[in-house]
Amino acid sequence: MDFSNNENTSSEILQHNEEIKQLGVGKSGKTGKLKIVLDVEYTSGRTRIKEKESIAPLSVQKEFYYDQFQPKMTHVYIMSSSGGILQGDKYIIDIILEKNALAHITTQGATRIYGMNASNAIQVVNVSLDDGAYLEFIPDQIIPYKNSRFYQEINFKVHDNATMIYSEIISPGRIGMGEIFDYEICYLRSIGKNHNDELRFTDHTKIEPKKMNLQDFGILEQKHIMATMYILAKSNDVEKIIQTLENEIKNPSEIVIGWSTMTKENGILLRIIGNTTMDIIRLVYEITKLVRKIILNSNFHEIRKT
């Protein structure tokens, strides 16, 4: 994986791409890879992991089927044998859902970006959904530690007849340690296309706390935690989701939420800001429950993390 030749890689990240004195880039455990392919098993109708490839520290657990409302949906947990992402780490994750696959994918815990005295950390995630597939991709929050530099690029390729829900929560740092916006940069880039490679959306979030007043009006104001959700679905379903959001999602005083449709009316982008991770996760689950009811006509089961 040569990220330096990626035309989308930010110049802000490349300027910190120097060699490091500790375990070098490309050494065992520094370049992690995970690829999973999910399909529908012919005999049971359950979605299963058809193909799996991993390079430490990334891995996945065996599939779980505990959702009483969607017993054929697989639940997959992305895991890391490392305590977090370190300077010089480069990860690539490929998630592929074949026709009619149903999956909920999450992480074992928060993504912790450790402090850095050199270089940066890079993660690229590629998500592909075939015709009729349905994916809820709800990772735990990203926590950038003091002096960390993190670049993430996510490429979505979602069939026009498929549905995907993705959420991304950014913490200001280790709040319990008194770290509030002490990191160097967190650069998040997302690109969505359909099965014909037609552009559905692009979205960039670049947070440089030491160069920005994040609590200005129109940015985070007095909030500390930000979340983004992407909902990609058929245009008719998007109309129903918007109507239901307007009728059922109320802004509590401690949370601010806004949304807009994508150019071709086949997706929704939502921004949420608040001051507690649990409040935001609760709202992400509420929105996921709403979407699942419209698309699958079933309820949403609480995610098990213990």
C-alpha atoms as a PDB file:
ATOM      1  CA  MET A   1       0.000   0.000   0.000  1.00  0.00           C
ATOM      2  CA  ASP A   2       1.747   3.147  -1.156  1.00  0.00           C
ATOM      3  CA  PHE A   3      -0.358   5.954   0.287  1.00  0.00           C
ATOM      4  CA  SER A   4       2.092   8.599  -0.853  1.00  0.00           C
ATOM      5  CA  ASN A   5       1.032   7.994  -4.466  1.00  0.00           C
ATOM      6  CA  ASN A   6      -2.685   8.250  -3.701  1.00  0.00           C
ATOM      7  CA  GLU A   7      -3.940  11.342  -5.525  1.00  0.00           C
ATOM      8  CA  ASN A   8      -6.574  11.886  -2.829  1.00  0.00           C
ATOM      9  CA  THR A   9      -4.105  11.890   0.056  1.00  0.00           C
ATOM     10  CA  SER A  10      -4.084  15.264   1.781  1.00  0.00           C
ATOM     11  CA  SER A  11      -0.979  17.442   1.642  1.00  0.00           C
ATOM     12  CA  GLU A  12      -1.527  18.098   5.355  1.00  0.00           C
ATOM     13  CA  ILE A  13      -0.917  14.401   5.972  1.00  0.00           C
ATOM     14  CA  LEU A  14       1.956  13.931   3.534  1.00  0.00           C
ATOM     15  CA  GLN A  15       3.976  16.700   5.183  1.00  0.00           C
ATOM     16  CA  HIS A  16       4.190  14.463   8.268  1.00  0.00           C
ATOM     17  CA  ASN A  17       5.078  11.306   6.329  1.00  0.00           C
ATOM     18  CA  GLU A  18       8.679  11.221   7.531  1.00  0.00           C
ATOM     19  CA  GLU A  19      10.416   8.083   8.761  1.00  0.00           C
ATOM     20  CA  ILE A  20      10.140   7.259  12.452  1.00  0.00           C
ATOM     21  CA  LYS A  21      12.834   6.052  14.851  1.00  0.00           C
ATOM     22  CA  GLN A  22      10.673   3.362  16.444  1.00  0.00           C
ATOM     23  CA  LEU A  23       9.399   0.242  14.678  1.00  0.00           C
ATOM     24  CA  GLY A  24       9.467   1.319  11.058  1.00  0.00           C
ATOM     25  CA  VAL A  25       6.629   1.727   8.607  1.00  0.00           C
ATOM     26  CA  GLY A  26       5.913  -1.572   6.862  1.00  0.00           C
ATOM     27  CA  LYS A  27       7.208  -3.739   9.742  1.00  0.00           C
ATOM     28  CA  SER A  28       5.025  -6.495  11.174  1.00  0.00           C
ATOM     29  CA  GLY A  29       1.999  -4.953  12.880  1.00  0.00           C
ATOM     30  CA  LYS A  30       2.480  -1.560  11.244  1.00  0.00           C
ATOM     31  CA  THR A  31       0.663  -2.337   7.998  1.00  0.00           C
ATOM     32  CA  GLY A  32      -2.659  -3.950   8.888  1.00  0.00           C
ATOM     33  CA  LYS A  33      -5.080  -5.405   6.382  1.00  0.00           C
ATOM     34  CA  LEU A  34      -8.552  -6.860   6.595  1.00  0.00           C
ATOM     35  CA  LYS A  35     -10.817  -8.106   3.822  1.00  0.00           C
ATOM     36  CA  ILE A  36     -14.185  -9.769   4.329  1.00  0.00           C
ATOM     37  CA  VAL A  37     -16.690 -10.874   1.699  1.00  0.00           C
ATOM     38  CA  LEU A  38     -20.251 -11.551   2.882  1.00  0.00           C
ATOM     39  CA  ASP A  39     -22.823 -13.541   0.927  1.00  0.00           C
ATOM     40  CA  VAL A  40     -26.120 -15.338   1.519  1.00  0.00           C
ATOM     41  CA  GLU A  41     -25.793 -19.040   2.297  1.00  0.00           C
ATOM     42  CA  TYR A  42     -28.015 -21.041  -0.041  1.00  0.00           C
ATOM     43  CA  THR A  43     -29.390 -23.585   2.446  1.00  0.00           C
ATOM     44  CA  SER A  44     -30.059 -21.419   5.528  1.00  0.00           C
ATOM     45  CA  GLY A  45     -30.568 -18.003   3.928  1.00  0.00           C
ATOM     46  CA  ARG A  46     -28.215 -16.540   6.517  1.00  0.00           C
ATOM     47  CA  THR A  47     -25.536 -14.022   5.589  1.00  0.00           C
ATOM     48  CA  ARG A  48     -22.099 -15.489   6.276  1.00  0.00           C
ATOM     49  CA  ILE A  49     -18.432 -14.588   5.883  1.00  0.00           C
ATOM     50  CA  LYS A  50     -17.619 -16.219   2.560  1.00  0.00           C
ATOM     51  CA  GLU A  51     -14.032 -15.006   2.385  1.00  0.00           C
ATOM     52  CA  LYS A  52     -11.681 -13.540   4.975  1.00  0.00           C
ATOM     53  CA  GLU A  53      -8.129 -12.239   4.753  1.00  0.00           C
ATOM     54  CA  SER A  54      -6.313 -10.447   7.548  1.00  0.00           C
ATOM     55  CA  ILE A  55      -2.863  -9.180   8.459  1.00  0.00           C
ATOM     56  CA  ALA A  56      -2.176  -8.296  12.111  1.00  0.00           C
ATOM     57  CA  PRO A  57      -3.245  -6.383  14.025  1.00  0.00           C
ATOM     58  CA  LEU A  58      -6.627  -6.423  12.217  1.00  0.00           C
ATOM     59  CA  SER A  59      -9.038  -9.359  12.423  1.00  0.00           C
ATOM     60  CA  VAL A  60     -12.731 -10.230  12.775  1.00  0.00           C
ATOM     61  CA  GLN A  61     -14.607 -12.531  15.096  1.00  0.00           C
ATOM     62  CA  LYS A  62     -16.795 -15.354  13.852  1.00  0.00           C
ATOM     63  CA  GLU A  63     -20.251 -14.207  12.746  1.00  0.00           C
ATOM     64  CA  PHE A  64     -23.001 -13.758  15.340  1.00  0.00           C
ATOM     65  CA  TYR A  65     -26.741 -14.231  14.781  1.00  0.00           C
ATOM     66  CA  TYR A  66     -28.428 -12.835  17.882  1.00  0.00           C
ATOM     67  CA  ASP A  67     -30.893 -10.360  16.369  1.00  0.00           C
ATOM     68  CA  GLN A  68     -34.374 -11.651  17.146  1.00  0.00           C
ATOM     69  CA  PHE A  69     -35.874  -9.253  14.572  1.00  0.00           C
ATOM     70  CA  GLN A  70     -33.442 -10.211  11.783  1.00  0.00           C
ATOM     71  CA  PRO A  71     -32.224 -13.748  12.583  1.00  0.00           C
ATOM     72  CA  LYS A  72     -30.547 -14.128   9.174  1.00  0.00           C
ATOM     73  CA  MET A  73     -28.544 -10.924   9.539  1.00  0.00           C
ATOM     74  CA  THR A  74     -24.913 -11.450  10.480  1.00  0.00           C
ATOM     75  CA  HIS A  75     -23.226  -9.312  13.125  1.00  0.00           C
ATOM     76  CA  VAL A  76     -19.495  -8.853  12.575  1.00  0.00           C
ATOM     77  CA  TYR A  77     -17.018  -7.245  14.988  1.00  0.00           C
ATOM     78  CA  ILE A  78     -13.803  -5.742  13.598  1.00  0.00           C
ATOM     79  CA  MET A  79     -11.008  -6.289  16.112  1.00  0.00           C
ATOM     80  CA  SER A  80      -7.427  -5.189  16.633  1.00  0.00           C
ATOM     81  CA  SER A  81      -4.746  -6.927  18.679  1.00  0.00           C
ATOM     82  CA  SER A  82      -3.156  -3.502  19.183  1.00  0.00           C
ATOM     83  CA  GLY A  83      -4.354  -1.128  21.876  1.00  0.00           C
ATOM     84  CA  GLY A  84      -4.835   1.578  19.269  1.00  0.00           C
ATOM     85  CA  ILE A  85      -3.378   3.161  16.141  1.00  0.00           C
ATOM     86  CA  LEU A  86       0.244   4.299  16.473  1.00  0.00           C
ATOM     87  CA  GLN A  87       2.491   6.620  14.507  1.00  0.00           C
ATOM     88  CA  GLY A  88       3.470   5.094  11.184  1.00  0.00           C
ATOM     89  CA  ASP A  89       0.516   2.662  11.162  1.00  0.00           C
ATOM     90  CA  LYS A  90      -1.209   2.147   7.845  1.00  0.00           C
ATOM     91  CA  TYR A  91      -4.416   0.120   7.718  1.00  0.00           C
ATOM     92  CA  ILE A  92      -6.638  -0.907   4.833  1.00  0.00           C
ATOM     93  CA  ILE A  93     -10.051  -2.532   5.305  1.00  0.00           C
ATOM     94  CA  ASP A  94     -12.192  -3.989   2.507  1.00  0.00           C
ATOM     95  CA  ILE A  95     -15.824  -4.899   3.203  1.00  0.00           C
ATOM     96  CA  ILE A  96     -17.831  -6.502   0.390  1.00  0.00           C
ATOM     97  CA  LEU A  97     -21.500  -7.472   0.577  1.00  0.00           C
ATOM     98  CA  GLU A  98     -22.727  -9.616  -2.265  1.00  0.00           C
ATOM     99  CA  LYS A  99     -26.305  -9.721  -3.571  1.00  0.00           C
ATOM    100  CA  ASN A 100     -29.018  -9.559  -0.860  1.00  0.00           C
ATOM    101  CA  ALA A 101     -26.545  -9.867   2.026  1.00  0.00           C
ATOM    102  CA  LEU A 102     -27.686  -8.451   5.398  1.00  0.00           C
ATOM    103  CA  ALA A 103     -25.070  -7.300   7.905  1.00  0.00           C
ATOM    104  CA  HIS A 104     -24.401  -5.164  10.929  1.00  0.00           C
ATOM    105  CA  ILE A 105     -20.709  -4.343  11.315  1.00  0.00           C
ATOM    106  CA  THR A 106     -19.137  -2.606  14.283  1.00  0.00           C
ATOM    107  CA  THR A 107     -15.819  -2.444  16.138  1.00  0.00           C
ATOM    108  CA  GLN A 108     -14.775  -4.075  19.391  1.00  0.00           C
ATOM    109  CA  GLY A 109     -14.336  -0.621  20.921  1.00  0.00           C
ATOM    110  CA  ALA A 110     -13.221   2.914  20.257  1.00  0.00           C
ATOM    111  CA  THR A 111     -10.504   3.651  17.685  1.00  0.00           C
ATOM    112  CA  ARG A 112      -7.734   5.243  19.754  1.00  0.00           C
ATOM    113  CA  ILE A 113      -5.178   7.343  17.878  1.00  0.00           C
ATOM    114  CA  TYR A 114      -2.072   7.564  20.061  1.00  0.00           C
ATOM    115  CA  GLY A 115       0.121  10.647  20.356  1.00  0.00           C
ATOM    116  CA  MET A 116       2.925  11.039  17.810  1.00  0.00           C
ATOM    117  CA  ASN A 117       6.332  12.671  17.804  1.00  0.00           C
ATOM    118  CA  ALA A 118       6.818  11.881  14.106  1.00  0.00           C
ATOM    119  CA  SER A 119       4.870  10.726  11.061  1.00  0.00           C
ATOM    120  CA  ASN A 120       1.109  10.041  11.137  1.00  0.00           C
ATOM    121  CA  ALA A 121      -1.444   7.235  10.944  1.00  0.00           C
ATOM    122  CA  ILE A 122      -3.499   6.400   7.874  1.00  0.00           C
ATOM    123  CA  GLN A 123      -6.575   4.217   7.452  1.00  0.00           C
ATOM    124  CA  VAL A 124      -8.370   3.459   4.191  1.00  0.00           C
ATOM    125  CA  VAL A 125     -11.734   1.673   4.214  1.00  0.00           C
ATOM    126  CA  ASN A 126     -13.425   0.393   1.037  1.00  0.00           C
ATOM    127  CA  VAL A 127     -17.075  -0.676   1.308  1.00  0.00           C
ATOM    128  CA  SER A 128     -18.963  -2.309  -1.584  1.00  0.00           C
ATOM    129  CA  LEU A 129     -22.651  -3.340  -1.635  1.00  0.00           C
ATOM    130  CA  ASP A 130     -24.235  -5.341  -4.444  1.00  0.00           C
ATOM    131  CA  ASP A 131     -27.892  -5.363  -5.559  1.00  0.00           C
ATOM    132  CA  GLY A 132     -30.326  -5.779  -2.652  1.00  0.00           C
ATOM    133  CA  ALA A 133     -27.648  -5.729   0.053  1.00  0.00           C
ATOM    134  CA  TYR A 134     -28.263  -4.006   3.389  1.00  0.00           C
ATOM    135  CA  LEU A 135     -25.504  -2.818   5.733  1.00  0.00           C
ATOM    136  CA  GLU A 136     -25.471  -1.069   9.096  1.00  0.00           C
ATOM    137  CA  PHE A 137     -21.824  -0.026   9.640  1.00  0.00           C
ATOM    138  CA  ILE A 138     -21.692   1.572  13.102  1.00  0.00           C
ATOM    139  CA  PRO A 139     -18.125   1.760  14.493  1.00  0.00           C
ATOM    140  CA  ASP A 140     -17.406   3.085  17.954  1.00  0.00           C
ATOM    141  CA  GLN A 141     -15.977   6.588  18.278  1.00  0.00           C
ATOM    142  CA  ILE A 142     -12.581   7.818  17.103  1.00  0.00           C
ATOM    143  CA  ILE A 143     -10.500   9.228  19.986  1.00  0.00           C
ATOM    144  CA  PRO A 144      -7.487  11.275  18.811  1.00  0.00           C
ATOM    145  CA  TYR A 145      -4.948  11.548  21.635  1.00  0.00           C
ATOM    146  CA  LYS A 146      -2.746  14.587  22.271  1.00  0.00           C
ATOM    147  CA  ASN A 147      -0.339  15.372  19.394  1.00  0.00           C
ATOM    148  CA  SER A 148      -1.832  12.715  17.091  1.00  0.00           C
ATOM    149  CA  ARG A 149      -2.242  13.026  13.310  1.00  0.00           C
ATOM    150  CA  PHE A 150      -4.847  10.822  11.630  1.00  0.00           C
ATOM    151  CA  TYR A 151      -6.005  10.544   8.031  1.00  0.00           C
ATOM    152  CA  GLN A 152      -8.944   8.342   7.080  1.00  0.00           C
ATOM    153  CA  GLU A 153     -10.397   7.777   3.645  1.00  0.00           C
ATOM    154  CA  ILE A 154     -13.584   5.778   3.105  1.00  0.00           C
ATOM    155  CA  ASN A 155     -14.715   4.758  -0.360  1.00  0.00           C
ATOM    156  CA  PHE A 156     -18.305   3.572  -0.662  1.00  0.00           C
ATOM    157  CA  LYS A 157     -19.575   1.756  -3.742  1.00  0.00           C
ATOM    158  CA  VAL A 158     -23.257   1.111  -3.111  1.00  0.00           C
ATOM    159  CA  HIS A 159     -25.654  -0.337  -5.690  1.00  0.00           C
ATOM    160  CA  ASP A 160     -28.664   1.856  -6.428  1.00  0.00           C
ATOM    161  CA  ASN A 161     -30.885  -0.960  -5.117  1.00  0.00           C
ATOM    162  CA  ALA A 162     -28.893  -1.457  -1.906  1.00  0.00           C
ATOM    163  CA  THR A 163     -29.071   0.333   1.453  1.00  0.00           C
ATOM    164  CA  MET A 164     -26.193   1.418   3.669  1.00  0.00           C
ATOM    165  CA  ILE A 165     -26.105   3.242   7.004  1.00  0.00           C
ATOM    166  CA  TYR A 166     -22.698   4.457   8.184  1.00  0.00           C
ATOM    167  CA  SER A 167     -21.850   6.526  11.246  1.00  0.00           C
ATOM    168  CA  GLU A 168     -18.655   8.212  12.384  1.00  0.00           C
ATOM    169  CA  ILE A 169     -18.212   9.773  15.829  1.00  0.00           C
ATOM    170  CA  ILE A 170     -15.253  12.033  16.654  1.00  0.00           C
ATOM    171  CA  SER A 171     -14.292  12.609  20.278  1.00  0.00           C
ATOM    172  CA  PRO A 172     -12.230  15.682  21.271  1.00  0.00           C
ATOM    173  CA  GLY A 173      -9.660  13.403  22.938  1.00  0.00           C
ATOM    174  CA  ARG A 174      -9.210  11.642  26.261  1.00  0.00           C
ATOM    175  CA  ILE A 175     -11.661  13.783  28.172  1.00  0.00           C
ATOM    176  CA  GLY A 176     -10.969  11.988  31.460  1.00  0.00           C
ATOM    177  CA  MET A 177      -7.283  12.910  31.127  1.00  0.00           C
ATOM    178  CA  GLY A 178      -8.104  16.542  30.481  1.00  0.00           C
ATOM    179  CA  GLU A 179      -7.264  16.328  26.769  1.00  0.00           C
ATOM    180  CA  ILE A 180      -9.743  18.480  24.872  1.00  0.00           C
ATOM    181  CA  PHE A 181      -8.786  19.160  21.238  1.00  0.00           C
ATOM    182  CA  ASP A 182      -5.070  18.642  21.906  1.00  0.00           C
ATOM    183  CA  TYR A 183      -4.435  16.615  18.741  1.00  0.00           C
ATOM    184  CA  GLU A 184      -2.700  17.998  15.645  1.00  0.00           C
ATOM    185  CA  ILE A 185      -5.067  16.971  12.846  1.00  0.00           C
ATOM    186  CA  CYS A 186      -7.937  14.607  12.138  1.00  0.00           C
ATOM    187  CA  TYR A 187      -8.692  14.496   8.422  1.00  0.00           C
ATOM    188  CA  LEU A 188     -11.677  12.396   7.306  1.00  0.00           C
ATOM    189  CA  ARG A 189     -12.561  12.001   3.645  1.00  0.00           C
ATOM    190  CA  SER A 190     -15.544  10.033   2.324  1.00  0.00           C
ATOM    191  CA  ILE A 191     -16.518   9.329  -1.274  1.00  0.00           C
ATOM    192  CA  GLY A 192     -19.723   7.567  -2.337  1.00  0.00           C
ATOM    193  CA  LYS A 193     -20.456   6.089  -5.758  1.00  0.00           C
ATOM    194  CA  ASN A 194     -23.039   3.714  -7.177  1.00  0.00           C
ATOM    195  CA  HIS A 195     -22.435   0.388  -8.955  1.00  0.00           C
ATOM    196  CA  ASN A 196     -21.801   2.249 -12.220  1.00  0.00           C
ATOM    197  CA  ASP A 197     -19.130   4.426 -10.576  1.00  0.00           C
ATOM    198  CA  GLU A 198     -21.406   7.469 -10.746  1.00  0.00           C
ATOM    199  CA  LEU A 199     -20.658   9.941  -7.962  1.00  0.00           C
ATOM    200  CA  ARG A 200     -23.234  10.123  -5.182  1.00  0.00           C
ATOM    201  CA  PHE A 201     -21.392  12.339  -2.705  1.00  0.00           C
ATOM    202  CA  THR A 202     -18.059  13.548  -1.410  1.00  0.00           C
ATOM    203  CA  ASP A 203     -17.507  14.777   2.124  1.00  0.00           C
ATOM    204  CA  HIS A 204     -14.437  16.144   3.902  1.00  0.00           C
ATOM    205  CA  THR A 205     -13.909  16.880   7.571  1.00  0.00           C
ATOM    206  CA  LYS A 206     -10.599  18.464   8.531  1.00  0.00           C
ATOM    207  CA  ILE A 207     -10.136  19.353  12.172  1.00  0.00           C
ATOM    208  CA  GLU A 208      -6.952  21.139  13.243  1.00  0.00           C
ATOM    209  CA  PRO A 209      -7.664  22.278  16.802  1.00  0.00           C
ATOM    210  CA  LYS A 210      -4.446  24.261  17.172  1.00  0.00           C
ATOM    211  CA  LYS A 211      -5.207  26.299  14.049  1.00  0.00           C
ATOM    212  CA  MET A 212      -8.996  26.630  14.381  1.00  0.00           C
ATOM    213  CA  ASN A 213     -11.403  28.009  16.931  1.00  0.00           C
ATOM    214  CA  LEU A 214     -13.675  24.990  16.939  1.00  0.00           C
ATOM    215  CA  GLN A 215     -16.190  26.575  19.263  1.00  0.00           C
ATOM    216  CA  ASP A 216     -16.967  29.475  16.954  1.00  0.00           C
ATOM    217  CA  PHE A 217     -20.557  29.984  15.877  1.00  0.00           C
ATOM    218  CA  GLY A 218     -21.374  27.630  13.004  1.00  0.00           C
ATOM    219  CA  ILE A 219     -18.650  25.091  13.844  1.00  0.00           C
ATOM    220  CA  LEU A 220     -19.006  23.227  17.151  1.00  0.00           C
ATOM    221  CA  GLU A 221     -20.029  26.214  19.271  1.00  0.00           C
ATOM    222  CA  GLN A 222     -20.011  24.886  22.867  1.00  0.00           C
ATOM    223  CA  LYS A 223     -20.209  21.233  21.837  1.00  0.00           C
ATOM    224  CA  HIS A 224     -17.290  18.798  21.948  1.00  0.00           C
ATOM    225  CA  ILE A 225     -18.360  15.678  20.037  1.00  0.00           C
ATOM    226  CA  MET A 226     -19.338  15.445  16.376  1.00  0.00           C
ATOM    227  CA  ALA A 227     -20.944  12.628  14.428  1.00  0.00           C
ATOM    228  CA  THR A 228     -21.646  12.147  10.738  1.00  0.00           C
ATOM    229  CA  MET A 229     -24.085   9.656   9.255  1.00  0.00           C
ATOM    230  CA  TYR A 230     -24.480   8.634   5.623  1.00  0.00           C
ATOM    231  CA  ILE A 231     -27.650   6.872   4.545  1.00  0.00           C
ATOM    232  CA  LEU A 232     -27.598   5.595   0.956  1.00  0.00           C
ATOM    233  CA  ALA A 233     -30.838   4.118  -0.359  1.00  0.00           C
ATOM    234  CA  LYS A 234     -33.302   4.153  -3.246  1.00  0.00           C
ATOM    235  CA  SER A 235     -34.828   7.563  -3.951  1.00  0.00           C
ATOM    236  CA  ASN A 236     -38.328   6.479  -2.859  1.00  0.00           C
ATOM    237  CA  ASP A 237     -36.956   5.166   0.408  1.00  0.00           C
ATOM    238  CA  VAL A 238     -34.969   8.366   0.965  1.00  0.00           C
ATOM    239  CA  GLU A 239     -38.213  10.367   0.717  1.00  0.00           C
ATOM    240  CA  LYS A 240     -39.798   8.171   3.403  1.00  0.00           C
ATOM    241  CA  ILE A 241     -36.740   8.428   5.634  1.00  0.00           C
ATOM    242  CA  ILE A 242     -36.703  12.227   5.395  1.00  0.00           C
ATOM    243  CA  GLN A 243     -40.411  12.428   6.237  1.00  0.00           C
ATOM    244  CA  THR A 244     -39.938  10.143   9.237  1.00  0.00           C
ATOM    245  CA  LEU A 245     -36.873  12.077  10.433  1.00  0.00           C
ATOM    246  CA  GLU A 246     -38.869  15.301  10.323  1.00  0.00           C
ATOM    247  CA  ASN A 247     -41.791  13.759  12.215  1.00  0.00           C
ATOM    248  CA  GLU A 248     -40.019  11.596  14.785  1.00  0.00           C
ATOM    249  CA  ILE A 249     -36.525  12.963  15.474  1.00  0.00           C
ATOM    250  CA  LYS A 250     -36.661  15.848  17.904  1.00  0.00           C
ATOM    251  CA  ASN A 251     -33.651  17.946  18.834  1.00  0.00           C
ATOM    252  CA  PRO A 252     -33.049  17.609  22.577  1.00  0.00           C
ATOM    253  CA  SER A 253     -31.447  20.707  24.071  1.00  0.00           C
ATOM    254  CA  GLU A 254     -28.070  19.002  24.535  1.00  0.00           C
ATOM    255  CA  ILE A 255     -27.812  17.822  20.896  1.00  0.00           C
ATOM    256  CA  VAL A 256     -27.938  19.643  17.558  1.00  0.00           C
ATOM    257  CA  ILE A 257     -28.763  17.678  14.417  1.00  0.00           C
ATOM    258  CA  GLY A 258     -29.160  18.645  10.773  1.00  0.00           C
ATOM    259  CA  TRP A 259     -29.449  16.772   7.503  1.00  0.00           C
ATOM    260  CA  SER A 260     -29.591  17.246   3.767  1.00  0.00           C
ATOM    261  CA  THR A 261     -30.239  15.033   0.766  1.00  0.00           C
ATOM    262  CA  MET A 262     -27.543  14.194  -1.743  1.00  0.00           C
ATOM    263  CA  THR A 263     -27.540  15.571  -5.282  1.00  0.00           C
ATOM    264  CA  LYS A 264     -29.516  12.748  -6.885  1.00  0.00           C
ATOM    265  CA  GLU A 265     -31.895  12.399  -3.933  1.00  0.00           C
ATOM    266  CA  ASN A 266     -30.579   8.877  -3.317  1.00  0.00           C
ATOM    267  CA  GLY A 267     -28.912   9.536   0.012  1.00  0.00           C
ATOM    268  CA  ILE A 268     -28.906  11.610   3.188  1.00  0.00           C
ATOM    269  CA  LEU A 269     -26.006  13.199   5.046  1.00  0.00           C
ATOM    270  CA  LEU A 270     -26.551  13.960   8.729  1.00  0.00           C
ATOM    271  CA  ARG A 271     -24.421  15.975  11.174  1.00  0.00           C
ATOM    272  CA  ILE A 272     -24.838  15.660  14.922  1.00  0.00           C
ATOM    273  CA  ILE A 273     -23.020  17.560  17.664  1.00  0.00           C
ATOM    274  CA  GLY A 274     -23.286  17.116  21.407  1.00  0.00           C
ATOM    275  CA  ASN A 275     -21.318  16.823  24.624  1.00  0.00           C
ATOM    276  CA  THR A 276     -21.617  13.144  25.545  1.00  0.00           C
ATOM    277  CA  THR A 277     -20.784  10.134  23.425  1.00  0.00           C
ATOM    278  CA  MET A 278     -23.689   8.149  24.855  1.00  0.00           C
ATOM    279  CA  ASP A 279     -26.235  10.806  23.838  1.00  0.00           C
ATOM    280  CA  ILE A 280     -24.925  10.737  20.275  1.00  0.00           C
ATOM    281  CA  ILE A 281     -24.728   6.929  20.088  1.00  0.00           C
ATOM    282  CA  ARG A 282     -28.304   6.753  21.353  1.00  0.00           C
ATOM    283  CA  LEU A 283     -29.416   9.081  18.551  1.00  0.00           C
ATOM    284  CA  VAL A 284     -27.409   7.128  15.939  1.00  0.00           C
ATOM    285  CA  TYR A 285     -29.191   3.955  17.052  1.00  0.00           C
ATOM    286  CA  GLU A 286     -32.556   5.727  16.956  1.00  0.00           C
ATOM    287  CA  ILE A 287     -31.947   6.831  13.356  1.00  0.00           C
ATOM    288  CA  THR A 288     -30.719   3.338  12.410  1.00  0.00           C
ATOM    289  CA  LYS A 289     -33.869   1.865  13.935  1.00  0.00           C
ATOM    290  CA  LEU A 290     -35.979   4.284  11.895  1.00  0.00           C
ATOM    291  CA  VAL A 291     -34.209   3.374   8.629  1.00  0.00           C
ATOM    292  CA  ARG A 292     -34.380  -0.360   9.296  1.00  0.00           C
ATOM    293  CA  LYS A 293     -38.126  -0.135   9.890  1.00  0.00           C
ATOM    294  CA  ILE A 294     -38.607   1.522   6.499  1.00  0.00           C
ATOM    295  CA  ILE A 295     -36.251  -0.746   4.531  1.00  0.00           C
ATOM    296  CA  LEU A 296     -36.638  -4.125   6.271  1.00  0.00           C
ATOM    297  CA  ASN A 297     -39.938  -3.575   8.118  1.00  0.00           C
ATOM    298  CA  SER A 298     -38.415  -4.838  11.363  1.00  0.00           C
ATOM    299  CA  ASN A 299     -37.237  -3.464  14.672  1.00  0.00           C
ATOM    300  CA  PHE A 300     -33.628  -2.743  15.659  1.00  0.00           C
ATOM    301  CA  HIS A 301     -31.929  -4.865  18.297  1.00  0.00           C
ATOM    302  CA  GLU A 302     -29.631  -3.252  20.853  1.00  0.00           C
ATOM    303  CA  ILE A 303     -25.995  -3.935  19.964  1.00  0.00           C
ATOM    304  CA  ARG A 304     -24.140  -6.272  22.313  1.00  0.00           C
ATOM    305  CA  LYS A 305     -20.622  -5.186  23.266  1.00  0.00           C
ATOM    306  CA  THR A 306     -20.071  -7.297  26.367  1.00  0.00           C
END
